[in-house]
Structures are given as C-alpha cells and as structure tokens.
Protein backbone atom coordinates (compact mmCIF):
# COMPACT_ATOMS: atom_id res chain seq x y z
CA UNK A 1 0.00 0.26 -0.03
CA UNK A 2 1.63 3.50 -1.39
CA UNK A 3 2.43 5.57 1.71
CA UNK A 4 0.81 8.88 1.40
CA UNK A 5 3.43 11.85 1.38
CA UNK A 6 3.55 13.65 4.72
CA UNK A 7 2.42 17.66 5.08
CA UNK A 8 4.38 19.49 7.48
CA UNK A 9 2.67 21.28 9.97
CA UNK A 10 1.81 24.92 8.88
CA UNK A 11 1.08 26.20 12.22
CA UNK A 12 -1.42 28.82 13.08
CA UNK A 13 -2.24 30.81 10.22
CA UNK A 14 -4.19 33.96 9.90
CA UNK A 15 -7.94 33.17 8.69
CA UNK A 16 -10.41 36.18 7.52
CA UNK A 17 -13.30 33.81 8.00
CA UNK A 18 -13.22 33.02 11.83
CA UNK A 19 -13.59 36.80 12.30
CA UNK A 20 -16.34 37.39 9.94
CA UNK A 21 -19.15 35.81 11.86
CA UNK A 22 -17.60 38.14 14.82
CA UNK A 23 -17.79 41.34 12.40
CA UNK A 24 -21.39 40.54 11.67
CA UNK A 25 -22.40 40.00 15.58
CA UNK A 26 -20.29 43.63 16.18
CA UNK A 27 -22.09 45.42 13.76
CA UNK A 28 -25.55 44.25 14.32
CA UNK A 29 -25.06 44.37 18.26
CA UNK A 30 -22.66 46.93 19.07
CA UNK A 31 -21.93 49.20 15.93
CA UNK A 32 -25.00 51.72 16.70
CA UNK A 33 -23.41 52.92 19.59
CA UNK A 34 -20.84 53.99 17.39
CA UNK A 35 -23.25 56.16 15.21
CA UNK A 36 -25.19 58.26 18.09
CA UNK A 37 -22.93 60.99 18.47
CA UNK A 38 -21.38 62.50 21.89
CA UNK A 39 -23.06 62.49 25.04
CA UNK A 40 -25.37 65.45 25.61
CA UNK A 41 -24.09 68.29 28.13
CA UNK A 42 -26.54 67.43 30.65
CA UNK A 43 -26.98 63.98 32.86
CA UNK A 44 -28.97 61.14 30.91
CA UNK A 45 -32.52 60.81 32.24
CA UNK A 46 -33.07 57.35 33.94
CA UNK A 47 -36.36 55.81 33.10
CA UNK A 48 -37.28 52.66 34.68
CA UNK A 49 -39.39 51.61 31.84
CA UNK A 50 -37.00 52.52 29.25
CA UNK A 51 -34.23 50.40 31.12
CA UNK A 52 -36.63 47.59 31.20
CA UNK A 53 -37.35 48.00 27.59
CA UNK A 54 -33.85 47.60 27.00
CA UNK A 55 -32.79 44.73 29.34
CA UNK A 56 -35.83 42.43 27.62
CA UNK A 57 -35.54 43.50 24.50
CA UNK A 58 -31.79 44.25 23.89
CA UNK A 59 -29.54 42.89 26.45
CA UNK A 60 -30.93 39.66 27.34
CA UNK A 61 -31.73 38.60 23.61
CA UNK A 62 -27.91 39.59 22.32
CA UNK A 63 -26.86 37.82 25.20
CA UNK A 64 -28.51 34.59 24.14
CA UNK A 65 -27.50 35.09 20.86
CA UNK A 66 -23.81 35.23 22.14
CA UNK A 67 -23.84 32.51 24.40
CA UNK A 68 -25.53 30.37 21.69
CA UNK A 69 -23.18 30.54 18.95
CA UNK A 70 -20.32 30.44 21.80
CA UNK A 71 -21.60 27.16 23.21
CA UNK A 72 -20.96 25.61 19.61
CA UNK A 73 -17.81 25.19 20.15
CA UNK A 74 -16.96 25.66 23.73
CA UNK A 75 -18.14 25.01 27.08
CA UNK A 76 -19.91 27.49 29.17
CA UNK A 77 -17.32 28.81 32.06
CA UNK A 78 -18.39 28.09 35.38
CA UNK A 79 -18.15 29.95 38.39
CA UNK A 80 -14.93 29.27 40.28
CA UNK A 81 -11.93 31.12 42.48
CA UNK A 82 -10.71 32.76 39.44
CA UNK A 83 -13.94 34.63 39.28
CA UNK A 84 -13.19 36.24 42.61
CA UNK A 85 -9.45 36.81 41.87
CA UNK A 86 -10.31 38.46 38.25
CA UNK A 87 -13.25 40.91 40.10
CA UNK A 88 -10.50 42.07 42.89
CA UNK A 89 -8.39 42.91 39.98
CA UNK A 90 -10.70 44.46 37.76
CA UNK A 91 -13.09 46.57 39.54
CA UNK A 92 -10.84 48.84 41.35
CA UNK A 93 -8.98 49.13 38.09
CA UNK A 94 -12.10 50.11 36.59
CA UNK A 95 -12.64 53.03 39.37
CA UNK A 96 -9.17 54.18 39.42
CA UNK A 97 -9.26 54.31 35.40
CA UNK A 98 -12.64 56.37 35.50
CA UNK A 99 -11.34 58.59 38.07
CA UNK A 100 -8.17 59.57 36.63
CA UNK A 101 -9.56 60.28 33.36
CA UNK A 102 -12.52 62.59 34.82
CA UNK A 103 -9.73 64.35 36.77
CA UNK A 104 -7.88 64.75 33.39
CA UNK A 105 -10.93 65.85 31.71
CA UNK A 106 -11.74 68.52 34.38
CA UNK A 107 -8.67 70.47 33.27
CA UNK A 108 -10.45 70.69 29.59
CA UNK A 109 -13.15 72.90 30.45
CA UNK A 110 -15.89 72.96 27.45
CA UNK A 111 -15.32 69.19 25.96
CA UNK A 112 -17.39 66.32 26.74
CA UNK A 113 -16.07 64.71 29.77
CA UNK A 114 -17.79 61.26 29.26
CA UNK A 115 -21.01 59.64 29.98
CA UNK A 116 -23.21 61.44 32.92
CA UNK A 117 -26.49 59.57 34.20
CA UNK A 118 -28.83 60.66 36.46
CA UNK A 119 -29.39 58.36 39.20
CA UNK A 120 -32.39 56.54 39.85
CA UNK A 121 -34.61 57.27 43.38
CA UNK A 122 -36.46 54.83 45.45
CA UNK A 123 -36.21 51.02 45.44
CA UNK A 124 -37.59 49.99 42.08
CA UNK A 125 -35.40 52.36 40.06
CA UNK A 126 -32.19 51.19 42.19
CA UNK A 127 -33.04 47.62 41.36
CA UNK A 128 -33.69 48.13 37.87
CA UNK A 129 -30.53 49.91 37.48
CA UNK A 130 -28.56 47.16 38.88
CA UNK A 131 -30.38 44.44 36.82
CA UNK A 132 -29.61 46.73 33.77
CA UNK A 133 -25.92 47.55 34.73
CA UNK A 134 -25.39 43.67 35.33
CA UNK A 135 -26.86 42.67 32.25
CA UNK A 136 -24.79 45.15 30.24
CA UNK A 137 -21.68 43.83 31.90
CA UNK A 138 -22.63 40.21 30.95
CA UNK A 139 -23.12 41.29 27.88
CA UNK A 140 -20.37 43.41 26.76
CA UNK A 141 -17.63 40.72 28.53
CA UNK A 142 -19.07 37.74 26.94
CA UNK A 143 -18.70 39.07 23.61
CA UNK A 144 -15.28 41.43 24.00
CA UNK A 145 -13.50 38.92 25.74
CA UNK A 146 -14.71 35.76 25.90
CA UNK A 147 -16.24 35.14 22.34
CA UNK A 148 -14.01 37.36 20.52
CA UNK A 149 -10.82 36.13 22.39
CA UNK A 150 -12.25 32.55 21.62
CA UNK A 151 -12.16 33.76 18.20
CA UNK A 152 -9.08 35.41 17.78
CA UNK A 153 -7.43 32.19 19.53
CA UNK A 154 -8.63 30.15 16.92
CA UNK A 155 -6.07 31.84 14.55
CA UNK A 156 -3.12 31.29 16.62
CA UNK A 157 -2.24 34.79 16.64
CA UNK A 158 -0.48 36.27 19.90
CA UNK A 159 -2.57 37.84 22.84
CA UNK A 160 -1.98 41.38 22.06
CA UNK A 161 -3.78 40.91 18.54
CA UNK A 162 -6.58 40.29 20.73
CA UNK A 163 -5.79 43.37 23.30
CA UNK A 164 -6.04 45.85 20.20
CA UNK A 165 -8.62 44.51 18.57
CA UNK A 166 -10.91 43.96 21.37
CA UNK A 167 -10.06 47.58 22.99
CA UNK A 168 -10.57 49.36 19.31
CA UNK A 169 -13.76 47.81 18.68
CA UNK A 170 -14.91 48.48 22.48
CA UNK A 171 -14.03 52.09 22.32
CA UNK A 172 -15.66 52.38 18.99
CA UNK A 173 -19.03 51.51 20.64
CA UNK A 174 -18.46 54.24 23.24
CA UNK A 175 -17.90 57.17 20.92
CA UNK A 176 -21.39 58.45 21.84
CA UNK A 177 -19.76 59.24 25.37
CA UNK A 178 -17.29 61.84 23.46
CA UNK A 179 -13.47 61.99 23.58
CA UNK A 180 -13.20 61.29 27.14
CA UNK A 181 -15.66 58.69 27.46
CA UNK A 182 -13.93 57.03 24.13
CA UNK A 183 -10.59 57.15 26.41
CA UNK A 184 -11.89 55.31 29.19
CA UNK A 185 -13.44 53.12 27.18
CA UNK A 186 -10.12 51.97 25.61
CA UNK A 187 -8.09 51.94 28.89
CA UNK A 188 -10.85 49.95 30.69
CA UNK A 189 -11.00 47.54 27.40
CA UNK A 190 -6.99 47.31 28.12
CA UNK A 191 -7.16 45.98 31.56
CA UNK A 192 -10.02 43.93 31.13
CA UNK A 193 -8.44 42.13 28.44
CA UNK A 194 -5.18 41.87 30.35
CA UNK A 195 -7.02 40.28 33.32
CA UNK A 196 -9.10 37.83 30.97
CA UNK A 197 -5.61 36.65 29.61
CA UNK A 198 -4.30 36.10 33.19
CA UNK A 199 -7.71 34.31 34.68
CA UNK A 200 -9.55 32.97 31.60
CA UNK A 201 -13.22 33.82 33.38
CA UNK A 202 -16.29 35.26 32.34
CA UNK A 203 -18.30 36.12 35.82
CA UNK A 204 -15.83 38.13 37.61
CA UNK A 205 -15.03 40.15 34.77
CA UNK A 206 -18.85 40.67 34.05
CA UNK A 207 -19.83 41.53 37.52
CA UNK A 208 -16.58 44.17 38.03
CA UNK A 209 -17.94 45.69 34.75
CA UNK A 210 -21.62 45.83 35.96
CA UNK A 211 -20.67 46.98 39.39
CA UNK A 212 -18.59 49.84 37.64
CA UNK A 213 -21.32 50.83 35.59
CA UNK A 214 -23.54 50.88 38.45
CA UNK A 215 -21.08 53.11 40.47
CA UNK A 216 -21.26 55.50 37.62
CA UNK A 217 -25.05 55.77 38.57
CA UNK A 218 -24.38 56.52 42.10
CA UNK A 219 -21.74 58.52 41.75
CA UNK A 220 -24.43 61.10 40.16
CA UNK A 221 -26.44 60.59 43.42
CA UNK A 222 -23.77 61.42 45.42
CA UNK A 223 -22.56 64.59 43.23
CA UNK A 224 -26.50 65.84 44.07
CA UNK A 225 -27.50 65.39 40.67
CA UNK A 226 -31.22 66.29 40.36
C-alpha cells in the first residue's frame, strides 16, 4: 500500500473567515452605539420603563445569541475561584481608571467629559438600575473578552492582537460618550483584556464591569444630580 506523503505542519495562520461571524455580530449588536454621536451636556435621564425595555428587548436577546454561538464550540465557563481574583483586580482598576480620566478631563473645560447618568430614585429604580448594569456587563464581557478572544485564539495570533482588536472595537461603540468617555472605554478594555488573558474567566469580569457601571450612576447621586 503506497505511503501518502506527509504534510508539514503549517502552524497557526490568519484565517479571515474566523472573524466574519464576529464582525457581523459586532455590526448588528454594538456598531449603532458608535453612530449615536457625543453624549449630551446634561446627564442622561433614567427611566425605569426605558431600562426595562432595553434589558428585555436588547440585553437579554443579544446575550442569548452570543452564548448560543459561543457554546457551539466551547464549554460555558463555570463559576470558580478565578472569578473572585479577576473581580478583585478588575473592579478597583476600573474605578481608578474612571477617576483618572475624569480628573484629566476636568482640566479641559468646555469639552464633553464622558457619559453622565442621572441616578434612579427609590427601591424599584435602584433594582432596575443594577439589573441593567449587570446585564450590560455580562453582554459586553461575553462578546469583547470571551467570544472575541476565542475567535482570535482560533487563528493562533498572539495575545496583543486580541488586546488591540478588543480594545478598539469596545472604544468605538462608546463614541457617543465623547472623546474622554471613549478614552476611558479604551483603557478599561485594555485592563479587562489583560485580566481575561490571566484568568480566562467570565463571571468576575462581568460583575466588575456591571458594578462599575452602577458606580457611575451612584456617583451622580452622591454629587447631588437632580
């Protein structure tokens, strides 16, 4: 029986088709945020009905779609001790980054200083706010870290490529927050990307992301936003 010639291992290579699904998903779910323009000078009005509608009509269906596409090829991550370590690194890092960008923006009066939100009032408003922030945290971490990271790992490209692509795409869908908000998103994505590469977990990053978003609302409450 003739021997078949051996084919040398070509190693990892760039395969554009791997990114096609991820790019289409980004354009559908996140690109509209890049087209909204800069944030208004006044804090965004918090509406319980509006946030509930966004959770039910956008966050949860988008998250279900990402998890469905993800689980076709990967096991869903379980909660582990790594999530605690990731949270302990991510949450204070996001807070420090946000404060640093806000302090830098304060030296440039007249420019948009990032997203400002009106804090909700009452138990119902606070509950909806936390649910909205948590579902947003899970949605964005599921796509920008785990899903996108998995697609890039399939190509065998180095980790810095994932860091760059994830951070740029994440920043683009925060363009509506103005230049300082976009810078904050870019830095936050780099931090979260590094922590993801170190721990490879979802829940700790999603919780840190969601609580940081909630902290933005609570900061406006502490500042006396009407």
